[in-house]
Protein backbone atom coordinates (compact mmCIF):
# COMPACT_ATOMS: atom_id res chain seq x y z
CA MET A 1 -4.27 20.82 155.33
CA ARG A 2 -3.29 23.46 157.85
CA ARG A 3 -1.02 26.18 156.55
CA MET A 4 2.18 26.56 158.61
CA VAL A 5 3.18 30.10 159.58
CA TYR A 6 6.85 30.72 160.35
CA PRO A 7 8.24 33.75 162.27
CA ILE A 8 9.69 36.48 160.11
CA ILE A 9 13.44 36.90 160.51
CA LYS A 10 14.99 40.24 159.66
CA LEU A 11 18.67 40.51 158.79
CA ALA A 12 20.60 43.67 159.55
CA ALA A 13 24.23 44.49 158.82
CA PHE A 14 26.24 47.33 160.27
CA ARG A 15 29.80 48.29 161.13
CA CYS A 16 30.99 47.31 164.56
CA PRO A 17 33.07 49.99 166.34
CA TYR A 18 35.37 47.30 167.79
CA THR A 19 36.61 45.84 164.51
CA VAL A 20 38.64 47.03 161.56
CA ASN A 21 36.59 46.84 158.34
CA VAL A 22 34.83 43.67 159.55
CA PRO A 23 31.00 43.79 159.33
CA CYS A 24 28.82 42.60 162.20
CA ILE A 25 25.67 40.61 161.60
CA LYS A 26 22.65 40.60 163.95
CA PHE A 27 19.61 38.36 163.61
CA PHE A 28 16.35 39.73 165.04
CA LYS A 29 14.01 36.87 166.07
CA ARG A 30 10.74 37.89 167.76
CA ASN A 31 11.70 39.41 171.09
CA TYR A 32 15.39 38.52 171.26
CA VAL A 33 18.57 39.26 169.33
CA VAL A 34 21.32 36.86 168.26
CA ASP A 35 24.65 38.68 167.83
CA VAL A 36 27.26 37.00 165.65
CA CYS A 37 29.61 39.96 165.41
CA GLU A 38 33.18 39.05 164.54
CA LYS A 39 35.15 40.70 167.29
CA ALA A 40 38.62 39.74 166.07
CA GLU A 41 40.41 42.61 164.44
CA LYS A 42 41.77 42.21 160.97
CA LYS A 43 45.45 41.34 161.36
CA ILE A 44 48.19 43.13 159.47
CA HIS A 45 51.27 41.02 158.80
CA PRO A 46 54.42 42.33 160.56
CA TYR A 47 56.25 42.40 157.22
CA LYS A 48 53.69 44.96 156.04
CA GLN A 49 54.43 47.23 159.00
CA ILE A 50 58.17 47.66 158.50
CA HIS A 51 57.74 51.39 157.83
CA PRO A 52 55.10 52.61 160.31
CA TRP A 53 55.88 56.34 160.09
CA LYS A 54 53.24 58.81 158.93
CA SER A 55 55.50 61.86 158.70
CA LEU A 56 59.14 62.91 158.55
CA ALA A 57 58.87 64.19 162.14
CA GLU A 58 57.67 60.78 163.34
CA PHE A 59 60.44 59.04 161.38
CA SER A 60 63.11 61.37 162.79
CA GLU A 61 61.87 60.87 166.35
CA ASP A 62 61.98 57.10 165.88
CA LEU A 63 65.60 57.26 164.68
CA PHE A 64 66.44 59.43 167.70
CA ASN A 65 64.90 56.81 169.99
CA ASN A 66 67.06 54.16 168.29
CA ILE A 67 70.36 55.82 169.22
CA ILE A 68 72.57 53.12 170.75
CA TYR A 69 75.75 55.13 171.41
CA ASN A 70 76.49 58.82 172.03
CA LYS A 71 79.82 59.98 173.44
CA ASP A 72 82.09 62.93 172.68
CA GLY A 73 80.81 63.52 169.16
CA LEU A 74 80.48 59.89 168.04
CA VAL A 75 76.86 58.82 167.62
CA ALA A 76 75.53 55.43 166.57
CA LEU A 77 71.96 54.51 165.78
CA ASN A 78 70.17 51.34 164.74
CA LYS A 79 69.11 51.95 161.14
CA PRO A 80 65.77 50.41 160.13
CA TYR A 81 65.45 48.12 157.14
CA GLY A 82 64.67 49.78 153.80
CA ILE A 83 66.13 53.20 154.65
CA LYS A 84 68.84 54.74 152.46
CA ARG A 85 71.63 57.07 153.43
CA SER A 86 70.53 59.67 150.88
CA GLY A 87 69.08 60.10 147.40
CA SER A 88 65.64 60.01 145.85
CA GLU A 89 65.93 57.36 143.12
CA GLU A 90 63.34 54.59 142.84
CA PHE A 91 63.53 51.51 145.05
CA PRO A 92 64.88 48.47 143.15
CA TYR A 93 62.71 46.18 145.33
CA ASN A 94 59.29 46.93 146.72
CA ILE A 95 58.68 47.41 150.44
CA PRO A 96 55.04 47.18 151.52
CA ASN A 97 53.98 50.59 152.82
CA GLY A 98 57.53 51.86 152.20
CA VAL A 99 58.50 55.49 152.80
CA ARG A 100 60.98 57.69 150.94
CA TYR A 101 62.66 59.21 153.98
CA THR A 102 66.46 58.91 154.22
CA LEU A 103 69.00 59.18 157.02
CA GLU A 104 70.08 62.61 155.83
CA ASP A 105 66.47 63.82 156.01
CA ALA A 106 66.50 63.12 159.75
CA ILE A 107 70.01 64.39 160.53
CA PRO A 108 68.99 68.03 161.30
CA TYR A 109 66.38 66.84 163.83
CA ILE A 110 68.79 64.41 165.53
CA SER A 111 71.56 67.06 165.66
CA ASP A 112 69.20 69.50 167.30
CA ARG A 113 67.98 66.98 169.88
CA LEU A 114 71.55 66.02 170.80
CA LYS A 115 72.73 69.66 170.87
CA TYR A 116 75.35 69.19 168.15
CA PRO A 117 75.84 71.96 165.56
CA ASN A 118 75.90 69.32 162.86
CA LEU A 119 76.13 65.56 162.28
CA SER A 120 77.29 63.64 159.23
CA VAL A 121 77.02 59.96 158.32
CA ILE A 122 80.35 58.09 158.43
CA ARG A 123 79.23 54.53 157.74
CA SER A 124 75.78 53.06 157.15
CA PRO A 125 74.47 49.62 156.18
CA GLU A 126 73.02 49.36 152.70
CA MET A 127 69.35 50.16 152.16
CA TYR A 128 68.09 46.57 152.47
CA MET A 129 69.95 45.94 155.72
CA SER A 130 69.41 47.13 159.28
CA GLY A 131 71.93 47.80 162.01
CA VAL A 132 74.79 49.96 163.28
CA THR A 133 75.08 53.37 161.62
CA LEU A 134 77.89 55.72 162.64
CA LEU A 135 77.55 59.52 162.76
CA SER A 136 80.16 62.14 163.66
CA ALA A 137 79.89 65.67 164.99
CA ASP A 138 83.12 66.90 163.33
CA SER A 139 85.89 65.92 160.92
CA LYS A 140 88.27 64.90 163.73
CA ILE A 141 85.85 62.21 164.93
CA GLN A 142 85.24 61.03 161.37
CA HIS A 143 88.98 60.69 160.67
CA ALA A 144 89.54 58.74 163.92
CA VAL A 145 86.73 56.32 163.05
CA GLU A 146 87.99 55.75 159.50
CA VAL A 147 91.56 55.08 160.72
CA SER A 148 90.21 52.70 163.35
CA LEU A 149 88.19 50.76 160.76
CA ILE A 150 91.29 50.37 158.59
CA ARG A 151 93.26 49.03 161.56
CA ALA A 152 90.47 46.61 162.40
CA ASN A 153 90.81 44.95 158.97
CA TYR A 154 88.00 42.41 158.60
CA PHE A 155 87.29 42.11 162.30
CA SER A 156 85.29 45.33 162.28
CA ASN A 157 81.78 44.43 161.04
CA THR A 158 79.79 41.47 162.31
CA TYR A 159 76.50 40.56 160.65
CA TRP A 160 73.62 38.37 161.75
CA VAL A 161 71.57 36.70 159.06
CA ILE A 162 68.67 34.28 158.98
CA ALA A 163 69.50 31.94 156.12
CA VAL A 164 67.44 29.26 154.42
CA GLY A 165 68.81 25.84 155.37
CA VAL A 166 71.84 24.93 157.50
CA PRO A 167 75.48 25.02 156.26
CA GLN A 168 77.32 21.69 156.06
CA GLN A 169 80.00 23.08 158.39
CA LEU A 170 78.78 24.93 161.46
CA GLU A 171 81.74 27.33 161.51
CA GLY A 172 84.63 28.36 159.31
CA ASP A 173 87.37 30.87 158.52
CA HIS A 174 88.01 31.54 154.82
CA ARG A 175 90.30 33.68 152.68
CA LEU A 176 88.46 34.21 149.42
CA ALA A 177 88.19 36.76 146.64
CA MET A 178 85.51 38.25 144.43
CA LYS A 179 85.77 39.17 140.79
CA LEU A 180 83.39 40.63 138.25
CA MET A 181 82.25 38.19 135.60
CA ARG A 182 81.23 39.74 132.29
CA ASN A 183 78.09 38.60 130.50
CA PRO A 184 79.30 36.91 127.28
CA ASN A 185 76.18 37.91 125.33
CA PHE A 186 75.12 41.25 126.74
CA ASN A 187 76.55 44.22 128.58
CA GLY A 188 76.86 44.01 132.34
CA THR A 189 78.81 42.19 135.04
CA LYS A 190 78.06 40.03 138.08
CA ALA A 191 80.25 39.44 141.13
CA VAL A 192 81.29 35.85 141.85
CA ILE A 193 83.38 34.30 144.63
CA ILE A 194 86.61 32.54 143.69
CA THR A 195 88.92 30.40 145.82
CA SER A 196 92.17 30.81 143.83
CA TRP A 197 93.84 33.72 142.03
CA THR A 198 97.26 34.95 140.98
CA LYS A 199 99.55 37.59 142.43
CA ASN A 200 98.95 39.67 139.32
CA ASP A 201 95.18 39.52 139.89
CA GLU A 202 95.73 40.98 143.33
CA LYS A 203 98.38 43.50 142.22
CA LEU A 204 96.31 44.77 139.29
CA LYS A 205 93.18 44.85 141.46
CA ARG A 206 91.26 42.47 139.22
CA ILE A 207 89.84 40.96 142.38
CA LYS A 208 88.51 42.11 145.72
CA LEU A 209 89.76 40.12 148.71
CA LEU A 210 87.07 38.66 150.95
CA ASN A 211 88.16 37.43 154.36
CA THR A 212 85.33 35.88 156.33
CA LYS A 213 84.56 34.09 159.55
CA TYR A 214 81.20 32.54 160.30
CA ARG A 215 79.46 30.37 162.86
CA VAL A 216 75.96 28.97 163.14
CA LEU A 217 74.39 30.33 166.31
CA SER A 218 71.16 28.35 166.14
CA ASN A 219 68.86 26.41 163.83
CA SER A 220 65.10 26.72 163.55
CA MET A 221 62.15 24.37 163.69
CA LEU A 222 62.54 21.50 161.18
CA ASN A 223 65.99 22.89 160.30
CA LEU A 224 64.32 25.15 157.74
CA CYS A 225 66.56 28.11 158.62
CA SER A 226 69.69 28.96 160.56
CA LEU A 227 70.89 32.03 162.44
CA ILE A 228 74.44 32.70 161.24
CA GLU A 229 77.01 35.21 162.47
CA ILE A 230 79.29 36.41 159.67
CA THR A 231 82.33 38.66 159.89
CA SER A 232 83.38 40.09 156.53
CA SER A 233 86.32 42.22 155.40
CA THR A 234 84.18 44.11 152.88
CA LYS A 235 80.59 44.98 152.09
CA ARG A 236 81.23 45.70 148.42
CA TRP A 237 79.38 43.81 145.69
CA HIS A 238 76.90 42.48 148.27
CA ALA A 239 79.69 40.36 149.74
CA VAL A 240 77.75 38.95 152.71
CA ARG A 241 74.75 37.97 150.58
CA LEU A 242 77.02 36.42 147.97
CA PHE A 243 79.00 34.47 150.58
CA ALA A 244 75.89 33.09 152.29
CA SER A 245 74.27 32.09 149.01
CA THR A 246 77.04 30.80 146.74
CA PHE A 247 79.65 29.64 149.26
CA LEU A 248 77.62 28.37 152.23
CA TYR A 249 74.67 27.39 149.98
CA THR A 250 72.30 28.96 152.50
CA PRO A 251 70.78 32.05 150.86
CA ILE A 252 69.60 34.80 153.17
CA LEU A 253 65.85 34.71 153.79
CA GLY A 254 64.16 37.42 151.71
CA ASP A 255 67.27 38.16 149.63
CA ASN A 256 66.07 39.10 146.15
CA CYS A 257 69.59 40.08 145.07
CA CYS A 258 71.64 36.87 145.43
CA GLY A 259 69.07 34.44 146.84
CA SER A 260 68.41 32.73 143.49
CA ARG A 261 72.09 32.32 142.62
CA VAL A 262 71.71 28.80 144.01
CA GLN A 263 68.85 26.46 143.16
CA LYS A 264 67.63 23.47 145.14
CA LEU A 265 67.58 20.13 143.31
CA GLY A 266 66.14 17.48 145.62
CA ASP A 267 68.00 17.97 148.90
CA THR A 268 71.00 19.65 147.26
CA TYR A 269 71.72 23.28 146.39
CA LEU A 270 73.58 23.97 143.13
CA LYS A 271 75.13 27.20 141.87
CA VAL A 272 73.68 28.52 138.62
CA ASP A 273 74.88 30.88 135.91
CA PRO A 274 74.34 34.37 137.41
CA PHE A 275 73.17 35.68 134.03
CA LEU A 276 70.29 33.22 133.67
CA GLU A 277 66.87 34.85 134.00
CA TYR A 278 65.73 32.82 137.02
CA ALA A 279 68.99 33.64 138.84
CA ASN A 280 67.67 37.20 139.13
CA LEU A 281 64.15 36.37 140.27
CA PRO A 282 62.99 36.19 143.92
CA PRO A 283 63.86 32.74 145.31
CA LYS A 284 61.17 30.09 145.75
CA LEU A 285 60.75 29.06 149.37
CA ASP A 286 59.62 25.82 150.97
CA LYS A 287 55.86 25.67 151.60
CA LYS A 288 56.48 24.69 155.22
CA LEU A 289 58.59 27.80 155.73
CA LEU A 290 55.99 30.04 154.10
CA HIS A 291 53.30 28.51 156.31
CA LEU A 292 55.30 29.20 159.48
CA LEU A 293 55.86 32.78 158.35
CA ASP A 294 52.13 33.13 157.57
CA VAL A 295 52.94 34.23 154.03
CA ASN A 296 50.94 33.28 150.95
CA PRO A 297 53.16 31.81 148.17
CA ALA A 298 51.87 34.51 145.82
CA GLN A 299 53.04 37.21 148.26
CA HIS A 300 56.46 35.86 149.21
CA ASN A 301 58.06 39.09 147.95
CA ILE A 302 56.89 40.88 151.13
CA ILE A 303 59.57 38.99 153.11
CA PRO A 304 62.41 41.43 153.92
CA ALA A 305 66.07 40.45 153.59
CA HIS A 306 67.06 39.17 157.04
CA LEU A 307 70.46 40.83 157.14
CA HIS A 308 71.49 42.88 160.17
CA LEU A 309 74.77 44.65 160.97
CA ARG A 310 74.92 43.42 164.54
CA SER A 311 78.12 45.09 165.77
CA VAL A 312 81.01 47.34 164.81
CA VAL A 313 84.38 47.26 166.61
CA LEU A 314 86.62 50.35 166.60
CA PRO A 315 90.11 49.41 167.86
CA TYR A 316 92.61 52.12 168.86
CA TYR A 317 89.87 54.73 168.84
CA PHE A 318 91.51 57.53 170.86
CA GLY A 319 93.46 54.89 172.77
CA GLU A 320 90.66 52.43 173.44
CA THR A 321 88.55 49.77 171.75
CA VAL A 322 84.91 50.71 171.30
CA THR A 323 82.33 48.02 170.50
CA ILE A 324 78.89 49.14 169.39
CA GLU A 325 76.10 46.57 169.21
CA ALA A 326 72.64 46.96 167.69
CA PRO A 327 69.65 44.91 168.87
CA LEU A 328 67.51 43.15 166.28
CA MET A 329 64.85 45.22 164.57
CA PRO A 330 61.18 44.12 164.88
CA PRO A 331 60.78 42.19 161.56
CA PHE A 332 63.98 40.18 162.15
CA ASP A 333 63.06 39.51 165.79
CA TRP A 334 59.50 38.44 164.81
CA THR A 335 60.87 35.91 162.31
CA TYR A 336 63.33 34.56 164.87
CA LYS A 337 60.56 33.92 167.37
CA ARG A 338 58.14 32.64 164.75
CA LEU A 339 60.58 29.96 163.51
CA ASP A 340 61.32 28.81 167.06
CA PHE A 341 65.13 28.82 166.97
CA LYS A 342 66.75 26.41 169.43
CA TYR A 343 69.22 26.67 172.27
CA PHE A 344 70.06 30.32 171.79
CA THR A 345 68.71 33.38 173.53
CA ILE A 346 69.20 36.78 171.96
CA LYS A 347 70.38 39.37 174.47
């Protein structure tokens, strides 16, 4: 029997300069080389790039580039998601690659670039919300803005949210109230929305009035989500999140605060006791929705709250009405495009 002799194949591995942490493999066969290098770069999910800054200077410059209004001492910028007004306490919810910079950290840089002696924050969205942030160069401007906001009543702030599901009614105008419910077994309170109350409740300030208007601007592929515009008279007690979740039964995508205050049973959402343990856990999302967002079920907590302060109206501001509008920030815009919302183009 003749002995068969096969060519010797050597295997070599090395790092390819055109990839990110992806090894290349080359097979050496006699006088030729077979290259099976993976040329595709390792992708980083957009939700993991919400805070791209490497230094305070880079962060401050980015805020400066996101100024959307600057006139006679009134400045407005588009605040990124996950940025606080001030303070150094721990984050209640994790942000992948999150930074600790605050608005006040960047104020000196912005003041210097705009040639103002000083700037102070008048109004800012909460940490886990993006959108219109108002700054003033002096106390006269700040007073004028605050008076204007009082005159505007609940027509001042307009929010855009991406919510899970579609409300039964596509638009509405509601006069509601919020009150604090006390835990019967332990210390602590939770805000709830009520539809009826007494004059004494209002007089003794046992409640907080919540006047809202909303309309569905668009719905996404498979009706998994909806883009809703909400005007609210207050931002206290997470009013917009609470309204979307427990009144419209469409919790805001990525809302770890009020998103589990309703639970889906079959095709129906039901309100649950706010003091139950699972009412305070991150909400469980439909597998189809997670697939479209390219998020692993075990990593659903990387999804940011899709809550954006779209516009602020200042009536009677030095004799005129000023409307300031903030474009969507990258994570919100990416989700909107990814879910293929219908019949509505964002300007």
